[in-house]
């Protein structure tokens, strides 16, 4: 009888990590939305990821990041934001929209002649 108890205990212990991982909550999601294309965003993505890491957030470990690019088609931005918000709501997570920096032409100081 003890052998059966031992085997069932061992079997229960072996399945515990599988059950525990199946019950984990989904990672919080951060949406990265850019009006440009992905090709020109390498330096921005690097800075974005460094900022996340400095804040204690590591992609795939304790946060998930969804990347979306409008490919210079600015009229697509509202639909991309709405799509991100809908996905968050389907997951049962709060959605927050933040505006990033200004575009390249807008952030330069104007010089008077």
Protein backbone atom coordinates (compact mmCIF):
# COMPACT_ATOMS: atom_id res chain seq x y z
CA UNK A 1 0.00 0.00 0.00
CA UNK A 2 2.81 2.44 0.77
CA UNK A 3 4.28 1.95 -2.67
CA UNK A 4 0.98 3.03 -4.29
CA UNK A 5 0.76 6.07 -2.02
CA UNK A 6 4.33 7.01 -2.90
CA UNK A 7 3.69 6.64 -6.64
CA UNK A 8 0.49 8.69 -6.51
CA UNK A 9 2.26 11.38 -4.48
CA UNK A 10 5.13 11.43 -6.95
CA UNK A 11 2.68 11.65 -9.86
CA UNK A 12 0.85 14.53 -8.21
CA UNK A 13 4.12 16.38 -7.62
CA UNK A 14 5.12 15.90 -11.26
CA UNK A 15 1.88 17.44 -12.55
CA UNK A 16 1.96 20.41 -10.14
CA UNK A 17 4.18 22.64 -12.36
CA UNK A 18 1.89 22.00 -15.35
CA UNK A 19 -1.23 22.92 -13.38
CA UNK A 20 0.43 25.95 -11.80
CA UNK A 21 1.63 27.32 -15.15
CA UNK A 22 -1.81 26.82 -16.71
CA UNK A 23 -3.34 29.04 -14.02
CA UNK A 24 -0.90 31.95 -14.42
CA UNK A 25 -2.35 35.32 -15.30
CA UNK A 26 -1.49 36.73 -18.73
CA UNK A 27 1.34 39.22 -18.87
CA UNK A 28 0.43 42.90 -18.94
CA UNK A 29 0.64 44.25 -22.49
CA UNK A 30 2.27 47.46 -23.66
CA UNK A 31 1.40 48.64 -27.14
CA UNK A 32 4.12 50.30 -29.21
CA UNK A 33 2.53 52.26 -32.04
CA UNK A 34 4.53 54.25 -34.56
CA UNK A 35 3.35 56.27 -37.51
CA UNK A 36 6.43 55.28 -39.52
CA UNK A 37 7.60 51.88 -40.65
CA UNK A 38 9.44 49.22 -38.67
CA UNK A 39 12.60 49.60 -40.76
CA UNK A 40 13.35 53.10 -39.51
CA UNK A 41 12.51 52.39 -35.89
CA UNK A 42 15.57 50.41 -34.78
CA UNK A 43 17.06 53.17 -32.63
CA UNK A 44 13.65 53.98 -31.12
CA UNK A 45 12.94 50.34 -30.31
CA UNK A 46 16.32 49.97 -28.67
CA UNK A 47 15.73 53.04 -26.50
CA UNK A 48 12.19 51.85 -25.70
CA UNK A 49 13.44 48.44 -24.57
CA UNK A 50 16.24 49.97 -22.50
CA UNK A 51 13.69 52.20 -20.79
CA UNK A 52 11.49 49.21 -20.03
CA UNK A 53 14.44 47.30 -18.59
CA UNK A 54 15.48 50.26 -16.45
CA UNK A 55 11.93 50.29 -15.06
CA UNK A 56 12.20 46.59 -14.21
CA UNK A 57 10.11 45.40 -17.16
CA UNK A 58 11.50 42.65 -19.37
CA UNK A 59 9.74 41.67 -22.56
CA UNK A 60 8.46 38.10 -22.41
CA UNK A 61 9.22 37.73 -18.70
CA UNK A 62 6.96 40.19 -16.90
CA UNK A 63 5.47 42.22 -19.74
CA UNK A 64 4.42 41.63 -23.33
CA UNK A 65 4.82 44.24 -26.06
CA UNK A 66 2.67 44.50 -29.19
CA UNK A 67 4.30 46.42 -32.01
CA UNK A 68 2.24 48.16 -34.68
CA UNK A 69 3.41 50.43 -37.49
CA UNK A 70 1.25 52.66 -39.70
CA UNK A 71 3.91 52.81 -42.46
CA UNK A 72 3.50 56.60 -42.87
CA UNK A 73 -0.24 56.18 -43.45
CA UNK A 74 -1.33 58.48 -40.63
CA UNK A 75 -5.02 57.89 -41.30
CA UNK A 76 -4.47 54.29 -40.05
CA UNK A 77 -3.45 55.42 -36.55
CA UNK A 78 -6.97 55.68 -35.03
CA UNK A 79 -7.87 52.19 -36.28
CA UNK A 80 -4.62 50.73 -34.94
CA UNK A 81 -5.25 52.28 -31.51
CA UNK A 82 -8.86 51.05 -31.49
CA UNK A 83 -7.68 47.55 -32.43
CA UNK A 84 -5.17 47.53 -29.55
CA UNK A 85 -7.82 48.68 -27.08
CA UNK A 86 -10.26 45.98 -28.27
CA UNK A 87 -7.60 43.27 -27.84
CA UNK A 88 -6.87 44.49 -24.31
CA UNK A 89 -10.56 44.49 -23.41
CA UNK A 90 -11.00 40.93 -24.78
CA UNK A 91 -8.21 39.83 -22.45
CA UNK A 92 -9.95 41.54 -19.56
CA UNK A 93 -7.09 44.00 -19.13
CA UNK A 94 -7.20 47.76 -18.82
CA UNK A 95 -6.11 49.72 -21.86
CA UNK A 96 -4.17 52.95 -21.58
CA UNK A 97 -3.21 55.10 -24.53
CA UNK A 98 -0.22 57.39 -24.26
CA UNK A 99 1.14 59.75 -26.83
CA UNK A 100 4.82 59.56 -27.62
CA UNK A 101 7.15 62.24 -28.87
CA UNK A 102 6.51 64.61 -31.71
CA UNK A 103 7.28 63.76 -35.28
CA UNK A 104 10.70 64.58 -36.74
CA UNK A 105 9.66 67.84 -38.36
CA UNK A 106 7.67 69.09 -35.39
CA UNK A 107 10.27 68.63 -32.67
CA UNK A 108 12.96 70.76 -34.24
CA UNK A 109 13.25 74.28 -32.87
CA UNK A 110 12.29 76.93 -35.36
CA UNK A 111 14.99 79.42 -36.27
CA UNK A 112 14.10 82.90 -37.24
CA UNK A 113 15.98 84.26 -40.28
